[in-house]
Amino acid sequence: MKMKTLHRIAAGVLFLQVAYVVVGGILLALFAEDTSEIDNTDPPAAGGAFYLLLVAAVIGVLFAGALLLATPGKFDRVPRWLKRVILGGVFLVEGVIIVGVVLNIITNSFGPDEFLNVVMIILSGIAAFVSAAEVFRPGAETVRGGV
């Protein structure tokens, strides 16, 4: 399989992950009943704001990484170090996803979800591999057009 094809697959995986989180968050906000006032009378903690900031940062890194992988050559003006930081962040996020899914498989009883978990491991593995390959490519411009 050519590296260009792997770039497109990885970009597609990243776009799907971003869409899943964003659409899922919107649907939960619209249709989930908010019982937090009933269940918790304490003032909101700073941890909630940090969590939202962390989710926004992860979504931003995944989206930027997807753009870098999907449109090679379009972001030539982006500094090389920034491309490496973004794709390194994508690698870390995908690694965390893979570890989380593996732990989910190990701790839960066998069922139909294992097929989806294996597919998630494979797709996140492709995105992590492509991102790492771009970060550690020696002497080449990160994510260039003719790859």
N, C-alpha and C. Protein backbone atom coordinates (compact mmCIF):
# COMPACT_ATOMS: atom_id res chain seq x y z
N MET A 1 0.85 -1.17 0.00
CA MET A 1 0.00 0.00 0.00
C MET A 1 0.90 1.24 0.00
N LYS A 2 0.60 2.18 -0.84
CA LYS A 2 1.40 3.39 -0.93
C LYS A 2 1.16 4.28 0.28
N MET A 3 2.17 5.08 0.57
CA MET A 3 2.08 5.98 1.72
C MET A 3 0.98 7.03 1.50
N LYS A 4 0.76 7.42 0.25
CA LYS A 4 -0.29 8.41 -0.05
C LYS A 4 -1.67 7.85 0.33
N THR A 5 -1.88 6.57 0.06
CA THR A 5 -3.15 5.93 0.43
C THR A 5 -3.29 5.87 1.94
N LEU A 6 -2.20 5.54 2.63
CA LEU A 6 -2.24 5.51 4.09
C LEU A 6 -2.52 6.90 4.67
N HIS A 7 -1.98 7.94 4.03
CA HIS A 7 -2.27 9.31 4.47
C HIS A 7 -3.77 9.59 4.38
N ARG A 8 -4.37 9.19 3.28
CA ARG A 8 -5.81 9.44 3.10
C ARG A 8 -6.64 8.66 4.11
N ILE A 9 -6.26 7.40 4.36
CA ILE A 9 -6.98 6.59 5.35
C ILE A 9 -6.85 7.22 6.73
N ALA A 10 -5.62 7.61 7.10
CA ALA A 10 -5.38 8.22 8.41
C ALA A 10 -6.16 9.52 8.55
N ALA A 11 -6.16 10.35 7.51
CA ALA A 11 -6.92 11.60 7.55
C ALA A 11 -8.41 11.32 7.72
N GLY A 12 -8.92 10.32 7.01
CA GLY A 12 -10.32 9.94 7.15
C GLY A 12 -10.66 9.49 8.55
N VAL A 13 -9.78 8.70 9.15
CA VAL A 13 -9.98 8.24 10.53
C VAL A 13 -10.03 9.44 11.47
N LEU A 14 -9.11 10.37 11.30
CA LEU A 14 -9.07 11.54 12.17
C LEU A 14 -10.31 12.41 12.00
N PHE A 15 -10.75 12.61 10.76
CA PHE A 15 -11.97 13.38 10.52
C PHE A 15 -13.18 12.69 11.16
N LEU A 16 -13.25 11.35 11.04
CA LEU A 16 -14.36 10.62 11.66
C LEU A 16 -14.34 10.73 13.18
N GLN A 17 -13.15 10.67 13.78
CA GLN A 17 -13.05 10.80 15.23
C GLN A 17 -13.51 12.18 15.69
N VAL A 18 -13.10 13.21 14.98
CA VAL A 18 -13.52 14.57 15.33
C VAL A 18 -15.04 14.70 15.18
N ALA A 19 -15.56 14.21 14.07
CA ALA A 19 -17.01 14.29 13.85
C ALA A 19 -17.78 13.52 14.93
N TYR A 20 -17.27 12.36 15.34
CA TYR A 20 -17.92 11.56 16.37
C TYR A 20 -18.01 12.33 17.68
N VAL A 21 -16.91 12.95 18.09
CA VAL A 21 -16.89 13.68 19.35
C VAL A 21 -17.78 14.92 19.27
N VAL A 22 -17.69 15.66 18.18
CA VAL A 22 -18.47 16.89 18.05
C VAL A 22 -19.96 16.59 17.94
N VAL A 23 -20.34 15.69 17.05
CA VAL A 23 -21.76 15.36 16.88
C VAL A 23 -22.31 14.70 18.15
N GLY A 24 -21.54 13.80 18.75
CA GLY A 24 -21.98 13.18 20.01
C GLY A 24 -22.18 14.21 21.11
N GLY A 25 -21.28 15.17 21.22
CA GLY A 25 -21.43 16.22 22.22
C GLY A 25 -22.64 17.08 21.98
N ILE A 26 -22.89 17.41 20.73
CA ILE A 26 -24.06 18.23 20.39
C ILE A 26 -25.36 17.47 20.70
N LEU A 27 -25.39 16.19 20.31
CA LEU A 27 -26.60 15.39 20.57
C LEU A 27 -26.84 15.23 22.07
N LEU A 28 -25.78 14.99 22.83
CA LEU A 28 -25.95 14.87 24.28
C LEU A 28 -26.42 16.18 24.89
N ALA A 29 -25.89 17.29 24.40
CA ALA A 29 -26.30 18.59 24.94
C ALA A 29 -27.76 18.89 24.62
N LEU A 30 -28.20 18.46 23.44
CA LEU A 30 -29.58 18.75 23.04
C LEU A 30 -30.61 17.80 23.66
N PHE A 31 -30.27 16.53 23.76
CA PHE A 31 -31.29 15.55 24.12
C PHE A 31 -31.13 14.91 25.49
N ALA A 32 -29.98 15.07 26.13
CA ALA A 32 -29.82 14.48 27.46
C ALA A 32 -30.39 15.42 28.50
N GLU A 33 -31.12 14.85 29.43
CA GLU A 33 -31.72 15.64 30.48
C GLU A 33 -30.65 16.00 31.51
N ASP A 34 -30.57 17.25 31.86
CA ASP A 34 -29.56 17.72 32.81
C ASP A 34 -30.09 17.56 34.22
N THR A 35 -29.52 16.63 34.96
CA THR A 35 -29.91 16.40 36.35
C THR A 35 -28.81 16.81 37.30
N SER A 36 -27.84 17.55 36.83
CA SER A 36 -26.70 17.90 37.67
C SER A 36 -27.11 18.77 38.87
N GLU A 37 -28.11 19.62 38.69
CA GLU A 37 -28.55 20.46 39.80
C GLU A 37 -29.25 19.63 40.87
N ILE A 38 -29.91 18.59 40.46
CA ILE A 38 -30.60 17.73 41.41
C ILE A 38 -29.58 16.87 42.16
N ASP A 39 -28.63 16.31 41.43
CA ASP A 39 -27.68 15.38 42.01
C ASP A 39 -26.56 16.05 42.78
N ASN A 40 -26.22 17.26 42.42
CA ASN A 40 -25.04 17.90 42.98
C ASN A 40 -25.35 19.35 43.30
N THR A 41 -25.33 19.67 44.57
CA THR A 41 -25.63 21.03 44.98
C THR A 41 -24.37 21.85 45.24
N ASP A 42 -23.19 21.23 45.10
CA ASP A 42 -21.93 21.95 45.29
C ASP A 42 -21.68 22.88 44.11
N PRO A 43 -20.91 23.96 44.34
CA PRO A 43 -20.57 24.83 43.21
C PRO A 43 -19.69 24.07 42.22
N PRO A 44 -19.76 24.43 40.92
CA PRO A 44 -18.96 23.71 39.92
C PRO A 44 -17.46 23.86 40.19
N ALA A 45 -16.75 22.79 40.00
CA ALA A 45 -15.30 22.78 40.23
C ALA A 45 -14.57 23.23 38.97
N ALA A 46 -13.31 23.61 39.15
CA ALA A 46 -12.50 24.04 38.01
C ALA A 46 -12.16 22.86 37.10
N GLY A 47 -12.31 21.64 37.59
CA GLY A 47 -12.01 20.45 36.78
C GLY A 47 -12.88 20.35 35.55
N GLY A 48 -14.11 20.83 35.62
CA GLY A 48 -15.01 20.77 34.47
C GLY A 48 -14.52 21.67 33.34
N ALA A 49 -14.03 22.83 33.68
CA ALA A 49 -13.49 23.74 32.67
C ALA A 49 -12.21 23.17 32.06
N PHE A 50 -11.38 22.56 32.90
CA PHE A 50 -10.15 21.95 32.40
C PHE A 50 -10.47 20.81 31.44
N TYR A 51 -11.46 20.01 31.77
CA TYR A 51 -11.86 18.90 30.91
C TYR A 51 -12.33 19.41 29.55
N LEU A 52 -13.15 20.45 29.55
CA LEU A 52 -13.63 21.02 28.28
C LEU A 52 -12.47 21.58 27.46
N LEU A 53 -11.53 22.22 28.12
CA LEU A 53 -10.35 22.75 27.44
C LEU A 53 -9.51 21.61 26.86
N LEU A 54 -9.37 20.54 27.60
CA LEU A 54 -8.61 19.39 27.13
C LEU A 54 -9.28 18.74 25.92
N VAL A 55 -10.59 18.58 25.97
CA VAL A 55 -11.32 18.00 24.84
C VAL A 55 -11.19 18.90 23.61
N ALA A 56 -11.31 20.21 23.80
CA ALA A 56 -11.16 21.14 22.68
C ALA A 56 -9.75 21.07 22.08
N ALA A 57 -8.74 20.94 22.94
CA ALA A 57 -7.36 20.84 22.45
C ALA A 57 -7.16 19.55 21.66
N VAL A 58 -7.70 18.43 22.15
CA VAL A 58 -7.57 17.15 21.44
C VAL A 58 -8.28 17.21 20.10
N ILE A 59 -9.48 17.78 20.08
CA ILE A 59 -10.21 17.92 18.82
C ILE A 59 -9.43 18.80 17.85
N GLY A 60 -8.86 19.89 18.36
CA GLY A 60 -8.06 20.77 17.50
C GLY A 60 -6.85 20.08 16.92
N VAL A 61 -6.14 19.30 17.74
CA VAL A 61 -4.95 18.58 17.26
C VAL A 61 -5.35 17.54 16.22
N LEU A 62 -6.41 16.78 16.49
CA LEU A 62 -6.85 15.76 15.53
C LEU A 62 -7.30 16.39 14.21
N PHE A 63 -8.02 17.51 14.30
CA PHE A 63 -8.49 18.17 13.08
C PHE A 63 -7.32 18.75 12.29
N ALA A 64 -6.38 19.39 12.98
CA ALA A 64 -5.21 19.94 12.29
C ALA A 64 -4.38 18.82 11.66
N GLY A 65 -4.23 17.71 12.38
CA GLY A 65 -3.50 16.57 11.82
C GLY A 65 -4.20 15.99 10.60
N ALA A 66 -5.51 15.93 10.66
CA ALA A 66 -6.26 15.43 9.51
C ALA A 66 -6.08 16.35 8.30
N LEU A 67 -6.10 17.65 8.53
CA LEU A 67 -5.88 18.59 7.43
C LEU A 67 -4.47 18.43 6.84
N LEU A 68 -3.47 18.28 7.70
CA LEU A 68 -2.10 18.11 7.22
C LEU A 68 -1.95 16.84 6.38
N LEU A 69 -2.61 15.77 6.81
CA LEU A 69 -2.48 14.50 6.09
C LEU A 69 -3.35 14.44 4.84
N ALA A 70 -4.50 15.11 4.88
CA ALA A 70 -5.44 15.03 3.76
C ALA A 70 -5.06 15.94 2.60
N THR A 71 -4.42 17.05 2.90
CA THR A 71 -4.10 18.03 1.86
C THR A 71 -2.61 18.33 1.84
N PRO A 72 -1.81 17.36 1.41
CA PRO A 72 -0.36 17.60 1.38
C PRO A 72 -0.02 18.72 0.41
N GLY A 73 0.92 19.55 0.79
CA GLY A 73 1.33 20.65 -0.07
C GLY A 73 0.54 21.92 0.15
N LYS A 74 -0.65 21.83 0.72
CA LYS A 74 -1.47 23.03 0.94
C LYS A 74 -0.97 23.86 2.11
N PHE A 75 -0.24 23.22 3.02
CA PHE A 75 0.21 23.90 4.22
C PHE A 75 1.73 24.02 4.24
N ASP A 76 2.31 24.37 3.11
CA ASP A 76 3.77 24.49 3.02
C ASP A 76 4.30 25.65 3.86
N ARG A 77 3.48 26.63 4.14
CA ARG A 77 3.93 27.78 4.91
C ARG A 77 3.93 27.52 6.41
N VAL A 78 3.30 26.42 6.82
CA VAL A 78 3.31 26.06 8.24
C VAL A 78 4.73 25.60 8.59
N PRO A 79 5.29 26.13 9.67
CA PRO A 79 6.66 25.73 10.04
C PRO A 79 6.76 24.22 10.28
N ARG A 80 7.88 23.69 9.92
CA ARG A 80 8.12 22.25 10.03
C ARG A 80 7.98 21.76 11.48
N TRP A 81 8.47 22.55 12.43
CA TRP A 81 8.38 22.15 13.82
C TRP A 81 6.93 22.06 14.28
N LEU A 82 6.06 22.96 13.77
CA LEU A 82 4.65 22.95 14.17
C LEU A 82 3.95 21.71 13.59
N LYS A 83 4.29 21.36 12.35
CA LYS A 83 3.73 20.14 11.77
C LYS A 83 4.12 18.93 12.60
N ARG A 84 5.37 18.89 13.04
CA ARG A 84 5.83 17.76 13.85
C ARG A 84 5.15 17.73 15.21
N VAL A 85 4.93 18.89 15.80
CA VAL A 85 4.23 18.95 17.09
C VAL A 85 2.79 18.45 16.92
N ILE A 86 2.12 18.90 15.88
CA ILE A 86 0.72 18.48 15.64
C ILE A 86 0.65 16.98 15.40
N LEU A 87 1.50 16.47 14.50
CA LEU A 87 1.45 15.04 14.20
C LEU A 87 1.94 14.19 15.37
N GLY A 88 2.86 14.73 16.17
CA GLY A 88 3.25 14.04 17.40
C GLY A 88 2.10 13.98 18.39
N GLY A 89 1.33 15.06 18.46
CA GLY A 89 0.13 15.06 19.30
C GLY A 89 -0.90 14.05 18.81
N VAL A 90 -1.05 13.95 17.50
CA VAL A 90 -1.96 12.95 16.93
C VAL A 90 -1.50 11.55 17.33
N PHE A 91 -0.20 11.31 17.23
CA PHE A 91 0.35 10.00 17.62
C PHE A 91 0.04 9.69 19.08
N LEU A 92 0.22 10.66 19.97
CA LEU A 92 -0.06 10.45 21.39
C LEU A 92 -1.54 10.18 21.65
N VAL A 93 -2.41 10.96 21.02
CA VAL A 93 -3.84 10.77 21.21
C VAL A 93 -4.27 9.39 20.71
N GLU A 94 -3.78 9.00 19.54
CA GLU A 94 -4.14 7.69 19.00
C GLU A 94 -3.59 6.56 19.88
N GLY A 95 -2.41 6.77 20.44
CA GLY A 95 -1.85 5.77 21.36
C GLY A 95 -2.72 5.61 22.60
N VAL A 96 -3.21 6.73 23.14
CA VAL A 96 -4.10 6.68 24.29
C VAL A 96 -5.40 5.97 23.93
N ILE A 97 -5.92 6.24 22.75
CA ILE A 97 -7.14 5.56 22.30
C ILE A 97 -6.91 4.05 22.21
N ILE A 98 -5.79 3.65 21.64
CA ILE A 98 -5.50 2.22 21.50
C ILE A 98 -5.38 1.56 22.87
N VAL A 99 -4.67 2.19 23.79
CA VAL A 99 -4.52 1.62 25.15
C VAL A 99 -5.88 1.52 25.82
N GLY A 100 -6.70 2.56 25.68
CA GLY A 100 -8.04 2.53 26.28
C GLY A 100 -8.91 1.42 25.72
N VAL A 101 -8.84 1.21 24.42
CA VAL A 101 -9.64 0.15 23.80
C VAL A 101 -9.14 -1.22 24.21
N VAL A 102 -7.83 -1.39 24.28
CA VAL A 102 -7.27 -2.69 24.72
C VAL A 102 -7.70 -2.97 26.16
N LEU A 103 -7.64 -1.96 27.03
CA LEU A 103 -8.09 -2.16 28.40
C LEU A 103 -9.58 -2.48 28.46
N ASN A 104 -10.35 -1.87 27.58
CA ASN A 104 -11.78 -2.17 27.50
C ASN A 104 -12.01 -3.63 27.11
N ILE A 105 -11.24 -4.12 26.16
CA ILE A 105 -11.36 -5.51 25.73
C ILE A 105 -10.99 -6.45 26.87
N ILE A 106 -9.91 -6.13 27.58
CA ILE A 106 -9.42 -7.01 28.65
C ILE A 106 -10.38 -7.06 29.83
N THR A 107 -10.97 -5.92 30.20
CA THR A 107 -11.78 -5.86 31.42
C THR A 107 -13.25 -6.25 31.22
N ASN A 108 -13.73 -6.27 29.98
CA ASN A 108 -15.14 -6.61 29.75
C ASN A 108 -15.28 -8.02 29.25
N SER A 109 -16.48 -8.56 29.44
CA SER A 109 -16.74 -9.91 28.95
C SER A 109 -16.87 -9.88 27.42
N PHE A 110 -16.63 -11.02 26.83
CA PHE A 110 -16.64 -11.12 25.38
C PHE A 110 -18.05 -10.87 24.86
N GLY A 111 -18.14 -10.08 23.79
CA GLY A 111 -19.43 -9.77 23.19
C GLY A 111 -19.24 -9.18 21.81
N PRO A 112 -20.32 -8.71 21.21
CA PRO A 112 -20.23 -8.18 19.84
C PRO A 112 -19.41 -6.89 19.74
N ASP A 113 -19.21 -6.19 20.85
CA ASP A 113 -18.44 -4.95 20.81
C ASP A 113 -16.96 -5.19 20.51
N GLU A 114 -16.49 -6.41 20.72
CA GLU A 114 -15.07 -6.69 20.47
C GLU A 114 -14.71 -6.48 19.01
N PHE A 115 -15.63 -6.77 18.10
CA PHE A 115 -15.36 -6.53 16.68
C PHE A 115 -15.11 -5.04 16.44
N LEU A 116 -15.97 -4.19 17.00
CA LEU A 116 -15.78 -2.75 16.86
C LEU A 116 -14.50 -2.28 17.52
N ASN A 117 -14.17 -2.89 18.66
CA ASN A 117 -12.93 -2.53 19.34
C ASN A 117 -11.71 -2.87 18.49
N VAL A 118 -11.72 -4.02 17.85
CA VAL A 118 -10.60 -4.41 16.99
C VAL A 118 -10.50 -3.47 15.79
N VAL A 119 -11.62 -3.09 15.21
CA VAL A 119 -11.61 -2.14 14.09
C VAL A 119 -11.05 -0.79 14.56
N MET A 120 -11.44 -0.36 15.76
CA MET A 120 -10.91 0.90 16.30
C MET A 120 -9.40 0.82 16.50
N ILE A 121 -8.91 -0.31 16.98
CA ILE A 121 -7.47 -0.48 17.18
C ILE A 121 -6.74 -0.40 15.84
N ILE A 122 -7.27 -1.05 14.83
CA ILE A 122 -6.63 -1.05 13.51
C ILE A 122 -6.61 0.36 12.93
N LEU A 123 -7.75 1.05 12.95
CA LEU A 123 -7.83 2.39 12.37
C LEU A 123 -6.98 3.40 13.14
N SER A 124 -7.03 3.36 14.45
CA SER A 124 -6.19 4.25 15.24
C SER A 124 -4.72 3.91 15.06
N GLY A 125 -4.43 2.63 14.88
CA GLY A 125 -3.05 2.21 14.62
C GLY A 125 -2.53 2.78 13.31
N ILE A 126 -3.36 2.78 12.29
CA ILE A 126 -2.96 3.37 11.00
C ILE A 126 -2.69 4.87 11.18
N ALA A 127 -3.59 5.57 11.86
CA ALA A 127 -3.40 7.01 12.06
C ALA A 127 -2.15 7.29 12.88
N ALA A 128 -1.89 6.47 13.90
CA ALA A 128 -0.69 6.65 14.73
C ALA A 128 0.57 6.35 13.92
N PHE A 129 0.54 5.28 13.13
CA PHE A 129 1.70 4.91 12.32
C PHE A 129 2.05 6.00 11.31
N VAL A 130 1.06 6.48 10.60
CA VAL A 130 1.30 7.52 9.57
C VAL A 130 1.82 8.79 10.23
N SER A 131 1.24 9.18 11.35
CA SER A 131 1.69 10.38 12.04
C SER A 131 3.13 10.23 12.52
N ALA A 132 3.45 9.09 13.11
CA ALA A 132 4.81 8.86 13.59
C ALA A 132 5.79 8.81 12.42
N ALA A 133 5.38 8.21 11.32
CA ALA A 133 6.26 8.13 10.15
C ALA A 133 6.59 9.52 9.63
N GLU A 134 5.62 10.42 9.67
CA GLU A 134 5.85 11.79 9.22
C GLU A 134 6.72 12.58 10.20
N VAL A 135 6.52 12.34 11.48
CA VAL A 135 7.31 13.05 12.49
C VAL A 135 8.78 12.65 12.39
N PHE A 136 9.03 11.36 12.19
CA PHE A 136 10.40 10.86 12.22
C PHE A 136 11.03 10.68 10.85
N ARG A 137 10.40 11.19 9.82
CA ARG A 137 10.97 11.11 8.48
C ARG A 137 12.25 11.95 8.45
N PRO A 138 13.38 11.33 8.17
CA PRO A 138 14.64 12.07 8.22
C PRO A 138 14.83 12.99 7.02
N GLY A 139 15.15 14.24 7.28
CA GLY A 139 15.53 15.19 6.25
C GLY A 139 14.46 15.59 5.26
N ALA A 140 13.28 15.06 5.37
CA ALA A 140 12.22 15.39 4.42
C ALA A 140 11.27 16.38 5.05
N GLU A 141 10.58 17.12 4.23
CA GLU A 141 9.57 18.03 4.72
C GLU A 141 8.38 17.20 5.21
N THR A 142 7.86 17.51 6.35
CA THR A 142 6.77 16.76 6.92
C THR A 142 5.52 16.92 6.06
N VAL A 143 4.89 15.81 5.71
CA VAL A 143 3.67 15.75 4.93
C VAL A 143 3.81 16.59 3.67
N ARG A 144 4.51 16.09 2.72
CA ARG A 144 4.66 16.82 1.47
C ARG A 144 3.81 16.21 0.38
N GLY A 145 3.72 16.89 -0.72
CA GLY A 145 2.79 16.54 -1.78
C GLY A 145 3.00 15.21 -2.46
N GLY A 146 4.20 14.83 -2.83
CA GLY A 146 4.39 13.65 -3.65
C GLY A 146 4.62 12.37 -2.91
N VAL A 147 4.18 12.26 -1.66
CA VAL A 147 4.46 11.08 -0.86
C VAL A 147 3.59 9.93 -1.30
